[in-house]
C-alpha atoms as a PDB file:
ATOM      1  CA  MET A   1     -38.601  77.735 -11.389  1.00  0.00           C
ATOM      2  CA  LYS A   2     -36.228  80.142  -9.678  1.00  0.00           C
ATOM      3  CA  TYR A   3     -35.262  77.444  -7.177  1.00  0.00           C
ATOM      4  CA  ILE A   4     -34.536  74.978  -9.989  1.00  0.00           C
ATOM      5  CA  GLY A   5     -32.366  77.564 -11.732  1.00  0.00           C
ATOM      6  CA  TRP A   6     -30.523  78.280  -8.473  1.00  0.00           C
ATOM      7  CA  LEU A   7     -29.998  74.556  -7.906  1.00  0.00           C
ATOM      8  CA  ILE A   8     -28.617  73.972 -11.408  1.00  0.00           C
ATOM      9  CA  PHE A   9     -26.277  76.936 -11.057  1.00  0.00           C
ATOM     10  CA  ASN A  10     -24.911  75.653  -7.758  1.00  0.00           C
ATOM     11  CA  LEU A  11     -24.492  72.123  -9.063  1.00  0.00           C
ATOM     12  CA  LEU A  12     -22.473  73.473 -11.988  1.00  0.00           C
ATOM     13  CA  LEU A  13     -20.452  75.642  -9.614  1.00  0.00           C
ATOM     14  CA  CYS A  14     -19.685  72.647  -7.390  1.00  0.00           C
ATOM     15  CA  HIS A  15     -18.626  70.664 -10.431  1.00  0.00           C
ATOM     16  CA  LEU A  16     -16.176  73.391 -11.458  1.00  0.00           C
ATOM     17  CA  VAL A  17     -14.818  73.719  -7.923  1.00  0.00           C
ATOM     18  CA  PHE A  18     -14.364  70.033  -7.142  1.00  0.00           C
ATOM     19  CA  ALA A  19     -13.658  68.555 -10.566  1.00  0.00           C
ATOM     20  CA  GLN A  20     -10.187  67.063 -10.839  1.00  0.00           C
ATOM     21  CA  PRO A  21      -7.925  68.329 -13.644  1.00  0.00           C
ATOM     22  CA  VAL A  22      -7.739  66.090 -16.685  1.00  0.00           C
ATOM     23  CA  LYS A  23      -4.384  64.310 -16.892  1.00  0.00           C
ATOM     24  CA  ILE A  24      -3.043  64.987 -20.400  1.00  0.00           C
ATOM     25  CA  ILE A  25      -0.198  63.675 -22.537  1.00  0.00           C
ATOM     26  CA  PHE A  26       0.116  65.893 -25.603  1.00  0.00           C
ATOM     27  CA  ASP A  27       1.632  64.361 -28.761  1.00  0.00           C
ATOM     28  CA  THR A  28       2.577  66.877 -31.479  1.00  0.00           C
ATOM     29  CA  ASP A  29       4.785  67.286 -34.540  1.00  0.00           C
ATOM     30  CA  MET A  30       5.317  71.009 -33.786  1.00  0.00           C
ATOM     31  CA  ASP A  31       6.775  71.778 -37.182  1.00  0.00           C
ATOM     32  CA  SER A  32       4.948  72.205 -40.489  1.00  0.00           C
ATOM     33  CA  ASP A  33       1.842  74.003 -39.199  1.00  0.00           C
ATOM     34  CA  VAL A  34       1.363  76.580 -36.457  1.00  0.00           C
ATOM     35  CA  ASP A  35      -1.884  75.347 -34.904  1.00  0.00           C
ATOM     36  CA  ASP A  36       0.295  73.004 -32.809  1.00  0.00           C
ATOM     37  CA  VAL A  37       1.563  76.162 -31.101  1.00  0.00           C
ATOM     38  CA  GLY A  38      -1.980  77.359 -30.462  1.00  0.00           C
ATOM     39  CA  ALA A  39      -3.008  73.929 -29.195  1.00  0.00           C
ATOM     40  CA  LEU A  40      -0.167  73.779 -26.674  1.00  0.00           C
ATOM     41  CA  ALA A  41      -0.972  77.343 -25.618  1.00  0.00           C
ATOM     42  CA  MET A  42      -4.598  76.358 -25.003  1.00  0.00           C
ATOM     43  CA  LEU A  43      -3.481  73.342 -23.006  1.00  0.00           C
ATOM     44  CA  HIS A  44      -1.447  75.625 -20.748  1.00  0.00           C
ATOM     45  CA  GLY A  45      -4.488  77.889 -20.486  1.00  0.00           C
ATOM     46  CA  PHE A  46      -6.537  74.949 -19.225  1.00  0.00           C
ATOM     47  CA  ALA A  47      -3.749  74.113 -16.793  1.00  0.00           C
ATOM     48  CA  ASN A  48      -3.795  77.712 -15.532  1.00  0.00           C
ATOM     49  CA  LEU A  49      -7.539  77.365 -14.932  1.00  0.00           C
ATOM     50  CA  GLY A  50      -7.016  74.123 -13.016  1.00  0.00           C
ATOM     51  CA  GLU A  51      -8.767  72.018 -15.668  1.00  0.00           C
ATOM     52  CA  ALA A  52      -5.733  70.127 -17.000  1.00  0.00           C
ATOM     53  CA  GLU A  53      -2.532  68.599 -15.679  1.00  0.00           C
ATOM     54  CA  ILE A  54       0.131  68.314 -18.381  1.00  0.00           C
ATOM     55  CA  LEU A  55       1.983  65.071 -17.667  1.00  0.00           C
ATOM     56  CA  GLY A  56       4.281  65.257 -20.686  1.00  0.00           C
ATOM     57  CA  VAL A  57       4.668  66.391 -24.278  1.00  0.00           C
ATOM     58  CA  MET A  58       5.796  63.972 -26.990  1.00  0.00           C
ATOM     59  CA  VAL A  59       7.143  65.112 -30.350  1.00  0.00           C
ATOM     60  CA  SER A  60       6.526  62.916 -33.391  1.00  0.00           C
ATOM     61  CA  SER A  61       8.702  64.917 -35.810  1.00  0.00           C
ATOM     62  CA  LEU A  62      12.369  64.267 -36.573  1.00  0.00           C
ATOM     63  CA  ASN A  63      12.902  68.011 -36.972  1.00  0.00           C
ATOM     64  CA  PRO A  64      15.616  68.478 -34.317  1.00  0.00           C
ATOM     65  CA  TRP A  65      14.259  71.855 -33.148  1.00  0.00           C
ATOM     66  CA  SER A  66      10.627  70.810 -32.692  1.00  0.00           C
ATOM     67  CA  PRO A  67      11.144  69.542 -29.114  1.00  0.00           C
ATOM     68  CA  GLY A  68      13.029  72.754 -28.335  1.00  0.00           C
ATOM     69  CA  ALA A  69      10.077  74.799 -29.565  1.00  0.00           C
ATOM     70  CA  VAL A  70       7.887  72.856 -27.141  1.00  0.00           C
ATOM     71  CA  ASP A  71      10.373  73.658 -24.373  1.00  0.00           C
ATOM     72  CA  VAL A  72      10.231  77.364 -25.255  1.00  0.00           C
ATOM     73  CA  ILE A  73       6.426  77.427 -24.979  1.00  0.00           C
ATOM     74  CA  ASN A  74       6.375  75.400 -21.748  1.00  0.00           C
ATOM     75  CA  THR A  75       8.952  77.775 -20.265  1.00  0.00           C
ATOM     76  CA  TYR A  76       6.927  80.832 -21.255  1.00  0.00           C
ATOM     77  CA  TYR A  77       3.955  79.427 -19.342  1.00  0.00           C
ATOM     78  CA  ASP A  78       6.229  78.820 -16.331  1.00  0.00           C
ATOM     79  CA  ARG A  79       6.250  75.026 -16.692  1.00  0.00           C
ATOM     80  CA  PRO A  80       9.830  74.288 -17.812  1.00  0.00           C
ATOM     81  CA  GLY A  81       9.841  70.986 -15.936  1.00  0.00           C
ATOM     82  CA  ILE A  82       7.240  69.243 -18.095  1.00  0.00           C
ATOM     83  CA  PRO A  83       8.931  66.110 -19.502  1.00  0.00           C
ATOM     84  CA  ILE A  84       9.452  66.167 -23.274  1.00  0.00           C
ATOM     85  CA  GLY A  85       9.969  63.036 -25.339  1.00  0.00           C
ATOM     86  CA  ALA A  86      11.054  62.872 -28.968  1.00  0.00           C
ATOM     87  CA  VAL A  87      10.802  60.272 -31.703  1.00  0.00           C
ATOM     88  CA  GLN A  88      14.191  58.752 -32.467  1.00  0.00           C
ATOM     89  CA  ARG A  89      15.553  57.335 -35.740  1.00  0.00           C
ATOM     90  CA  PHE A  90      12.423  56.052 -37.468  1.00  0.00           C
ATOM     91  CA  GLY A  91      10.029  58.930 -37.953  1.00  0.00           C
ATOM     92  CA  VAL A  92       8.937  61.678 -40.315  1.00  0.00           C
ATOM     93  CA  TYR A  93      10.934  64.871 -40.915  1.00  0.00           C
ATOM     94  CA  HIS A  94       9.082  68.093 -41.695  1.00  0.00           C
ATOM     95  CA  LYS A  95      10.466  71.551 -42.325  1.00  0.00           C
ATOM     96  CA  SER A  96       9.300  74.313 -40.017  1.00  0.00           C
ATOM     97  CA  LYS A  97       9.014  78.087 -40.408  1.00  0.00           C
ATOM     98  CA  TYR A  98       9.231  78.664 -36.673  1.00  0.00           C
ATOM     99  CA  ALA A  99      10.756  75.788 -34.648  1.00  0.00           C
ATOM    100  CA  ARG A 100      14.448  76.687 -34.956  1.00  0.00           C
ATOM    101  CA  ARG A 101      13.736  80.419 -34.868  1.00  0.00           C
ATOM    102  CA  LEU A 102      11.837  80.073 -31.589  1.00  0.00           C
ATOM    103  CA  CYS A 103      14.783  78.227 -30.073  1.00  0.00           C
ATOM    104  CA  ASP A 104      17.286  80.817 -31.298  1.00  0.00           C
ATOM    105  CA  GLU A 105      15.138  83.748 -30.165  1.00  0.00           C
ATOM    106  CA  PHE A 106      13.965  82.552 -26.754  1.00  0.00           C
ATOM    107  CA  LYS A 107      16.206  79.721 -25.564  1.00  0.00           C
ATOM    108  CA  PRO A 108      19.574  79.452 -27.350  1.00  0.00           C
ATOM    109  CA  GLY A 109      21.341  76.200 -26.535  1.00  0.00           C
ATOM    110  CA  VAL A 110      18.121  74.301 -25.912  1.00  0.00           C
ATOM    111  CA  LYS A 111      18.429  70.520 -26.301  1.00  0.00           C
ATOM    112  CA  LEU A 112      17.852  69.120 -29.768  1.00  0.00           C
ATOM    113  CA  GLY A 113      15.511  66.223 -30.374  1.00  0.00           C
ATOM    114  CA  GLU A 114      18.263  63.614 -30.394  1.00  0.00           C
ATOM    115  CA  ASP A 115      19.240  64.705 -26.884  1.00  0.00           C
ATOM    116  CA  MET A 116      15.710  64.359 -25.499  1.00  0.00           C
ATOM    117  CA  PRO A 117      14.301  61.167 -23.922  1.00  0.00           C
ATOM    118  CA  GLU A 118      12.930  58.695 -26.438  1.00  0.00           C
ATOM    119  CA  ALA A 119       9.177  59.243 -26.620  1.00  0.00           C
ATOM    120  CA  THR A 120       7.963  55.678 -26.115  1.00  0.00           C
ATOM    121  CA  VAL A 121      10.238  55.214 -23.089  1.00  0.00           C
ATOM    122  CA  LEU A 122       8.833  58.404 -21.581  1.00  0.00           C
ATOM    123  CA  TYR A 123       5.287  57.303 -22.420  1.00  0.00           C
ATOM    124  CA  ARG A 124       5.813  54.068 -20.496  1.00  0.00           C
ATOM    125  CA  LYS A 125       7.423  55.857 -17.557  1.00  0.00           C
ATOM    126  CA  ILE A 126       4.567  58.355 -17.239  1.00  0.00           C
ATOM    127  CA  LEU A 127       1.706  55.930 -17.845  1.00  0.00           C
ATOM    128  CA  SER A 128       2.983  53.359 -15.375  1.00  0.00           C
ATOM    129  CA  SER A 129       3.022  55.980 -12.603  1.00  0.00           C
ATOM    130  CA  GLN A 130      -0.587  57.099 -13.097  1.00  0.00           C
ATOM    131  CA  PRO A 131      -3.853  55.710 -11.687  1.00  0.00           C
ATOM    132  CA  ASP A 132      -5.742  53.279 -13.885  1.00  0.00           C
ATOM    133  CA  THR A 133      -7.899  54.750 -16.686  1.00  0.00           C
ATOM    134  CA  SER A 134      -6.878  58.280 -15.722  1.00  0.00           C
ATOM    135  CA  VAL A 135      -4.831  59.600 -18.658  1.00  0.00           C
ATOM    136  CA  VAL A 136      -6.140  61.299 -21.789  1.00  0.00           C
ATOM    137  CA  VAL A 137      -3.758  61.213 -24.744  1.00  0.00           C
ATOM    138  CA  VAL A 138      -4.285  63.860 -27.417  1.00  0.00           C
ATOM    139  CA  THR A 139      -2.337  63.525 -30.654  1.00  0.00           C
ATOM    140  CA  VAL A 140      -2.113  66.378 -33.163  1.00  0.00           C
ATOM    141  CA  GLY A 141       0.825  65.051 -35.173  1.00  0.00           C
ATOM    142  CA  ASP A 142       1.946  61.887 -36.894  1.00  0.00           C
ATOM    143  CA  LEU A 143       0.917  58.695 -35.110  1.00  0.00           C
ATOM    144  CA  THR A 144       4.466  57.334 -35.065  1.00  0.00           C
ATOM    145  CA  ASN A 145       5.000  57.533 -31.301  1.00  0.00           C
ATOM    146  CA  LEU A 146       1.676  55.903 -30.526  1.00  0.00           C
ATOM    147  CA  SER A 147       2.323  53.001 -32.879  1.00  0.00           C
ATOM    148  CA  LYS A 148       5.720  52.446 -31.298  1.00  0.00           C
ATOM    149  CA  LEU A 149       4.151  52.583 -27.841  1.00  0.00           C
ATOM    150  CA  LEU A 150       1.689  49.824 -28.742  1.00  0.00           C
ATOM    151  CA  ASN A 151       4.617  47.669 -29.897  1.00  0.00           C
ATOM    152  CA  THR A 152       6.645  48.042 -26.676  1.00  0.00           C
ATOM    153  CA  ARG A 153       7.397  45.158 -24.347  1.00  0.00           C
ATOM    154  CA  ALA A 154       7.656  44.911 -20.590  1.00  0.00           C
ATOM    155  CA  ASP A 155      10.464  47.008 -19.127  1.00  0.00           C
ATOM    156  CA  GLN A 156      11.694  48.554 -15.859  1.00  0.00           C
ATOM    157  CA  PHE A 157       8.545  50.662 -15.621  1.00  0.00           C
ATOM    158  CA  SER A 158       5.879  48.017 -16.141  1.00  0.00           C
ATOM    159  CA  GLU A 159       5.536  44.287 -16.717  1.00  0.00           C
ATOM    160  CA  LEU A 160       2.772  45.034 -19.232  1.00  0.00           C
ATOM    161  CA  ASN A 161       3.316  45.278 -22.966  1.00  0.00           C
ATOM    162  CA  GLY A 162       2.287  48.428 -24.808  1.00  0.00           C
ATOM    163  CA  ILE A 163      -1.302  47.496 -25.605  1.00  0.00           C
ATOM    164  CA  GLU A 164      -1.882  46.196 -22.069  1.00  0.00           C
ATOM    165  CA  LEU A 165      -0.366  49.332 -20.524  1.00  0.00           C
ATOM    166  CA  VAL A 166      -2.503  51.636 -22.659  1.00  0.00           C
ATOM    167  CA  ARG A 167      -5.643  49.633 -21.878  1.00  0.00           C
ATOM    168  CA  LYS A 168      -4.907  49.836 -18.153  1.00  0.00           C
ATOM    169  CA  LYS A 169      -3.874  53.485 -17.844  1.00  0.00           C
ATOM    170  CA  VAL A 170      -5.467  55.481 -20.688  1.00  0.00           C
ATOM    171  CA  LYS A 171      -9.035  56.718 -20.462  1.00  0.00           C
ATOM    172  CA  ARG A 172      -9.358  57.838 -24.077  1.00  0.00           C
ATOM    173  CA  LEU A 173      -7.395  59.012 -27.105  1.00  0.00           C
ATOM    174  CA  VAL A 174      -8.304  62.221 -28.939  1.00  0.00           C
ATOM    175  CA  CYS A 175      -6.838  62.108 -32.425  1.00  0.00           C
ATOM    176  CA  MET A 176      -6.718  65.083 -34.770  1.00  0.00           C
ATOM    177  CA  GLY A 177      -6.328  63.780 -38.283  1.00  0.00           C
ATOM    178  CA  GLY A 178      -8.103  63.340 -41.576  1.00  0.00           C
ATOM    179  CA  ARG A 179     -10.936  65.206 -43.222  1.00  0.00           C
ATOM    180  CA  TYR A 180     -14.515  64.029 -43.082  1.00  0.00           C
ATOM    181  CA  PRO A 181     -16.524  62.415 -44.387  1.00  0.00           C
ATOM    182  CA  GLU A 182     -13.514  61.495 -46.526  1.00  0.00           C
ATOM    183  CA  ASP A 183     -10.051  62.509 -47.663  1.00  0.00           C
ATOM    184  CA  ARG A 184      -8.822  60.520 -50.668  1.00  0.00           C
ATOM    185  CA  ASP A 185      -6.222  63.083 -51.798  1.00  0.00           C
ATOM    186  CA  PRO A 186      -2.901  61.153 -51.924  1.00  0.00           C
ATOM    187  CA  ALA A 187      -0.762  64.271 -51.355  1.00  0.00           C
ATOM    188  CA  PRO A 188       1.332  63.503 -48.228  1.00  0.00           C
ATOM    189  CA  TRP A 189       0.106  66.339 -45.993  1.00  0.00           C
ATOM    190  CA  GLY A 190      -1.782  66.087 -42.729  1.00  0.00           C
ATOM    191  CA  ASN A 191      -1.249  63.756 -39.784  1.00  0.00           C
ATOM    192  CA  PHE A 192      -2.320  60.424 -41.283  1.00  0.00           C
ATOM    193  CA  LYS A 193      -0.485  60.239 -44.621  1.00  0.00           C
ATOM    194  CA  PRO A 194       3.187  60.956 -43.759  1.00  0.00           C
ATOM    195  CA  ASP A 195       3.375  57.681 -41.749  1.00  0.00           C
ATOM    196  CA  PRO A 196       0.398  55.664 -43.023  1.00  0.00           C
ATOM    197  CA  ARG A 197       1.534  52.341 -41.557  1.00  0.00           C
ATOM    198  CA  SER A 198       1.551  53.805 -38.043  1.00  0.00           C
ATOM    199  CA  THR A 199      -1.843  55.406 -38.684  1.00  0.00           C
ATOM    200  CA  GLN A 200      -3.405  52.105 -39.710  1.00  0.00           C
ATOM    201  CA  HIS A 201      -1.826  50.352 -36.745  1.00  0.00           C
ATOM    202  CA  VAL A 202      -3.058  52.830 -34.135  1.00  0.00           C
ATOM    203  CA  VAL A 203      -6.569  53.170 -35.543  1.00  0.00           C
ATOM    204  CA  THR A 204      -7.069  49.401 -35.622  1.00  0.00           C
ATOM    205  CA  ALA A 205      -5.158  48.304 -32.498  1.00  0.00           C
ATOM    206  CA  TRP A 206      -5.647  51.116 -29.952  1.00  0.00           C
ATOM    207  CA  PRO A 207      -7.549  49.453 -27.071  1.00  0.00           C
ATOM    208  CA  THR A 208      -9.496  52.432 -25.635  1.00  0.00           C
ATOM    209  CA  ARG A 209     -12.042  54.819 -27.091  1.00  0.00           C
ATOM    210  CA  ILE A 210     -10.765  57.095 -29.866  1.00  0.00           C
ATOM    211  CA  TYR A 211     -12.360  60.471 -30.571  1.00  0.00           C
ATOM    212  CA  PHE A 212     -11.345  61.705 -34.033  1.00  0.00           C
ATOM    213  CA  THR A 213     -11.494  65.432 -34.730  1.00  0.00           C
ATOM    214  CA  GLY A 214     -11.364  66.736 -38.265  1.00  0.00           C
ATOM    215  CA  GLY A 215      -9.506  69.331 -40.281  1.00  0.00           C
ATOM    216  CA  GLY A 216     -10.355  70.930 -43.600  1.00  0.00           C
ATOM    217  CA  ALA A 217     -13.340  73.257 -43.880  1.00  0.00           C
ATOM    218  CA  PHE A 218     -14.488  72.292 -40.377  1.00  0.00           C
ATOM    219  CA  ALA A 219     -11.290  73.594 -38.754  1.00  0.00           C
ATOM    220  CA  ASP A 220     -10.984  76.509 -41.194  1.00  0.00           C
ATOM    221  CA  SER A 221     -14.348  77.782 -39.927  1.00  0.00           C
ATOM    222  CA  VAL A 222     -12.812  78.543 -36.512  1.00  0.00           C
ATOM    223  CA  PRO A 223     -10.203  81.285 -37.150  1.00  0.00           C
ATOM    224  CA  THR A 224      -7.917  81.544 -34.116  1.00  0.00           C
ATOM    225  CA  GLY A 225      -4.603  83.199 -33.326  1.00  0.00           C
ATOM    226  CA  LYS A 226      -5.764  86.821 -33.572  1.00  0.00           C
ATOM    227  CA  VAL A 227      -5.113  87.240 -29.860  1.00  0.00           C
ATOM    228  CA  PHE A 228      -1.367  86.916 -30.420  1.00  0.00           C
ATOM    229  CA  PHE A 229      -1.386  89.998 -32.655  1.00  0.00           C
ATOM    230  CA  GLN A 230      -2.649  92.152 -29.812  1.00  0.00           C
ATOM    231  CA  GLU A 231      -0.132  94.502 -28.212  1.00  0.00           C
ATOM    232  CA  LYS A 232      -0.252  92.632 -24.906  1.00  0.00           C
ATOM    233  CA  TYR A 233       0.859  89.317 -26.427  1.00  0.00           C
ATOM    234  CA  LYS A 234       2.805  90.193 -29.570  1.00  0.00           C
ATOM    235  CA  ARG A 235       6.214  89.563 -27.945  1.00  0.00           C
ATOM    236  CA  THR A 236       5.370  86.044 -26.782  1.00  0.00           C
ATOM    237  CA  PRO A 237       6.788  82.904 -28.433  1.00  0.00           C
ATOM    238  CA  MET A 238       3.327  82.082 -29.741  1.00  0.00           C
ATOM    239  CA  ALA A 239       3.012  85.481 -31.428  1.00  0.00           C
ATOM    240  CA  TYR A 240       6.404  85.099 -33.071  1.00  0.00           C
ATOM    241  CA  ALA A 241       5.498  81.619 -34.348  1.00  0.00           C
ATOM    242  CA  TYR A 242       2.165  82.789 -35.801  1.00  0.00           C
ATOM    243  CA  LYS A 243       3.777  85.847 -37.375  1.00  0.00           C
ATOM    244  CA  TRP A 244       6.581  83.842 -38.999  1.00  0.00           C
ATOM    245  CA  PHE A 245       4.221  81.130 -40.211  1.00  0.00           C
ATOM    246  CA  LEU A 246       1.639  83.539 -41.622  1.00  0.00           C
ATOM    247  CA  ASP A 247       4.194  85.780 -43.320  1.00  0.00           C
ATOM    248  CA  GLY A 248       2.917  86.312 -46.848  1.00  0.00           C
ATOM    249  CA  TRP A 249      -0.605  85.045 -46.073  1.00  0.00           C
ATOM    250  CA  LYS A 250      -1.916  88.612 -45.487  1.00  0.00           C
ATOM    251  CA  ARG A 251      -4.033  87.612 -42.517  1.00  0.00           C
ATOM    252  CA  ASN A 252      -3.726  87.419 -38.727  1.00  0.00           C
ATOM    253  CA  TRP A 253      -5.509  84.125 -38.068  1.00  0.00           C
ATOM    254  CA  HIS A 254      -5.194  80.436 -38.822  1.00  0.00           C
ATOM    255  CA  HIS A 255      -7.337  77.313 -38.669  1.00  0.00           C
ATOM    256  CA  SER A 256      -8.015  75.502 -35.396  1.00  0.00           C
ATOM    257  CA  ALA A 257      -7.601  71.812 -36.235  1.00  0.00           C
ATOM    258  CA  ASP A 258      -5.234  70.954 -33.371  1.00  0.00           C
ATOM    259  CA  ILE A 259      -6.846  73.471 -31.033  1.00  0.00           C
ATOM    260  CA  ILE A 260     -10.237  71.778 -31.392  1.00  0.00           C
ATOM    261  CA  ALA A 261      -8.630  68.462 -30.420  1.00  0.00           C
ATOM    262  CA  VAL A 262      -7.205  69.938 -27.207  1.00  0.00           C
ATOM    263  CA  TYR A 263     -10.579  71.441 -26.300  1.00  0.00           C
ATOM    264  CA  VAL A 264     -12.252  68.063 -26.797  1.00  0.00           C
ATOM    265  CA  ALA A 265      -9.536  66.301 -24.778  1.00  0.00           C
ATOM    266  CA  VAL A 266     -10.133  68.537 -21.758  1.00  0.00           C
ATOM    267  CA  ARG A 267     -13.815  69.513 -21.888  1.00  0.00           C
ATOM    268  CA  GLY A 268     -15.399  67.081 -24.316  1.00  0.00           C
ATOM    269  CA  HIS A 269     -17.422  67.935 -27.418  1.00  0.00           C
ATOM    270  CA  LEU A 270     -20.122  70.035 -25.745  1.00  0.00           C
ATOM    271  CA  PRO A 271     -21.422  72.655 -26.168  1.00  0.00           C
ATOM    272  CA  TYR A 272     -19.849  73.465 -29.512  1.00  0.00           C
ATOM    273  CA  PHE A 273     -19.671  70.218 -31.457  1.00  0.00           C
ATOM    274  CA  ARG A 274     -21.792  67.271 -32.509  1.00  0.00           C
ATOM    275  CA  LEU A 275     -20.652  63.746 -31.673  1.00  0.00           C
ATOM    276  CA  GLU A 276     -21.029  61.038 -34.316  1.00  0.00           C
ATOM    277  CA  GLU A 277     -21.268  57.682 -32.528  1.00  0.00           C
ATOM    278  CA  ARG A 278     -21.926  55.446 -35.519  1.00  0.00           C
ATOM    279  CA  GLY A 279     -19.298  53.877 -37.732  1.00  0.00           C
ATOM    280  CA  TYR A 280     -15.526  53.821 -37.865  1.00  0.00           C
ATOM    281  CA  ASN A 281     -12.569  55.559 -39.477  1.00  0.00           C
ATOM    282  CA  HIS A 282     -11.297  53.482 -42.394  1.00  0.00           C
ATOM    283  CA  ILE A 283      -7.628  54.167 -43.137  1.00  0.00           C
ATOM    284  CA  PHE A 284      -6.354  53.153 -46.571  1.00  0.00           C
ATOM    285  CA  GLU A 285      -2.777  51.993 -47.204  1.00  0.00           C
ATOM    286  CA  ASP A 286      -1.698  55.470 -48.323  1.00  0.00           C
ATOM    287  CA  GLY A 287      -3.081  57.075 -45.142  1.00  0.00           C
ATOM    288  CA  THR A 288      -6.145  58.574 -46.758  1.00  0.00           C
ATOM    289  CA  ASN A 289      -9.353  58.022 -44.833  1.00  0.00           C
ATOM    290  CA  LEU A 290     -13.091  57.526 -45.086  1.00  0.00           C
ATOM    291  CA  TRP A 291     -15.664  57.536 -42.294  1.00  0.00           C
ATOM    292  CA  ARG A 292     -17.884  54.499 -42.812  1.00  0.00           C
ATOM    293  CA  PHE A 293     -21.130  53.932 -40.927  1.00  0.00           C
ATOM    294  CA  GLU A 294     -21.005  50.150 -41.260  1.00  0.00           C
ATOM    295  CA  PRO A 295     -19.818  48.126 -39.475  1.00  0.00           C
ATOM    296  CA  ASP A 296     -19.989  50.100 -36.256  1.00  0.00           C
ATOM    297  CA  ASP A 297     -16.873  50.185 -34.059  1.00  0.00           C
ATOM    298  CA  GLU A 298     -17.887  50.979 -30.481  1.00  0.00           C
ATOM    299  CA  ARG A 299     -14.406  52.372 -29.760  1.00  0.00           C
ATOM    300  CA  GLN A 300     -14.486  55.080 -32.431  1.00  0.00           C
ATOM    301  CA  TYR A 301     -16.256  58.452 -32.443  1.00  0.00           C
ATOM    302  CA  LEU A 302     -16.129  61.440 -34.770  1.00  0.00           C
ATOM    303  CA  ILE A 303     -16.270  65.176 -34.066  1.00  0.00           C
ATOM    304  CA  SER A 304     -16.327  67.114 -37.324  1.00  0.00           C
ATOM    305  CA  GLU A 305     -19.560  69.109 -37.248  1.00  0.00           C
ATOM    306  CA  PHE A 306     -20.863  71.980 -35.162  1.00  0.00           C
ATOM    307  CA  ALA A 307     -23.735  71.649 -32.746  1.00  0.00           C
ATOM    308  CA  GLU A 308     -27.007  73.177 -33.865  1.00  0.00           C
ATOM    309  CA  GLY A 309     -27.129  76.935 -33.458  1.00  0.00           C
ATOM    310  CA  VAL A 310     -23.419  77.327 -32.739  1.00  0.00           C
ATOM    311  CA  HIS A 311     -21.537  80.039 -34.645  1.00  0.00           C
ATOM    312  CA  PRO A 312     -17.880  79.137 -35.386  1.00  0.00           C
ATOM    313  CA  LYS A 313     -16.710  82.741 -34.917  1.00  0.00           C
ATOM    314  CA  ALA A 314     -17.990  82.666 -31.332  1.00  0.00           C
ATOM    315  CA  ILE A 315     -15.986  79.491 -30.752  1.00  0.00           C
ATOM    316  CA  ALA A 316     -12.897  81.207 -32.150  1.00  0.00           C
ATOM    317  CA  GLU A 317     -13.217  84.070 -29.674  1.00  0.00           C
ATOM    318  CA  ARG A 318     -13.545  81.637 -26.788  1.00  0.00           C
ATOM    319  CA  PHE A 319     -10.586  79.589 -27.971  1.00  0.00           C
ATOM    320  CA  ASP A 320      -8.408  82.700 -28.283  1.00  0.00           C
ATOM    321  CA  SER A 321      -9.239  83.627 -24.696  1.00  0.00           C
ATOM    322  CA  LEU A 322      -8.357  80.124 -23.484  1.00  0.00           C
ATOM    323  CA  MET A 323      -4.929  80.305 -25.167  1.00  0.00           C
ATOM    324  CA  VAL A 324      -4.015  83.257 -22.949  1.00  0.00           C
ATOM    325  CA  ALA A 325      -5.946  82.269 -19.819  1.00  0.00           C
ATOM    326  CA  GLN A 326      -4.095  83.234 -16.647  1.00  0.00           C
ATOM    327  CA  ARG A 327      -3.992  81.601 -13.241  1.00  0.00           C
ATOM    328  CA  PRO A 328      -6.687  83.003 -10.897  1.00  0.00           C
ATOM    329  CA  ALA A 329      -5.399  85.650  -8.511  1.00  0.00           C
ATOM    330  CA  LYS A 330      -4.771  84.340  -5.002  1.00  0.00           C
END
């Protein structure tokens, strides 16, 4: 038994040592909620641990300071060269309690969204340069950029159209959006309802596997962000964003909807979450959604429940530590 335990330990150790980092494109609105900030922080934590390679960040919001807020966070984590793309003209505008203030506080004069590369052009440039079926796309904002990507035609980067390029280069899509088993509230909040046409298009036409992760009570059960109120981190851009967003809430934590999606994109659903393999995500014309078990769509999976015996508070502590993970000492 001891030998078997030793063998399992060493196999796991070899996997951690030799596993290649997951190639990630992160698509975010970075405006109306602050878990986007925590999600990008976690992604940089995974990059610091050698588990993720951030190929680019796309912004789906027309808020002109949202891409700048991304730039501020990337710069804090010493990755100012990560390409940032922004939706242009046709998109959704959201107000933000922190995007402009982060730019003013940490990087005055940062480029506005209209001065950034157009997101679908940058998507095509990045995807065309990557090995086949190697890229994981994780979206925690409106699905506007992804819908536009699917509609693109051949260009200087690739002779393939959008659907063909995604099918060739993307391994899977992790999509944070909706509440499960259903969300029929027509109020235009969340990631699916502000641009429902794009949501329907992506959910039905995306050619690779899609792993949906849920919000609502599921995400509320994992209270993250407390780490940024510690003395060591309270002067970071992330701490400022959480403080400004939570002003008046009388608490030092927030839900983990987008953060869960990033975890799943890099490490998968285990050991914390249960994977639902049956059914599909039905998107109504107003962007509301319902998870239906029939007919089954082999492309679509759902992560909106905890694995047996897992305590959400323990997940929150682990997620907080990942958001501030440092590079190993040389």
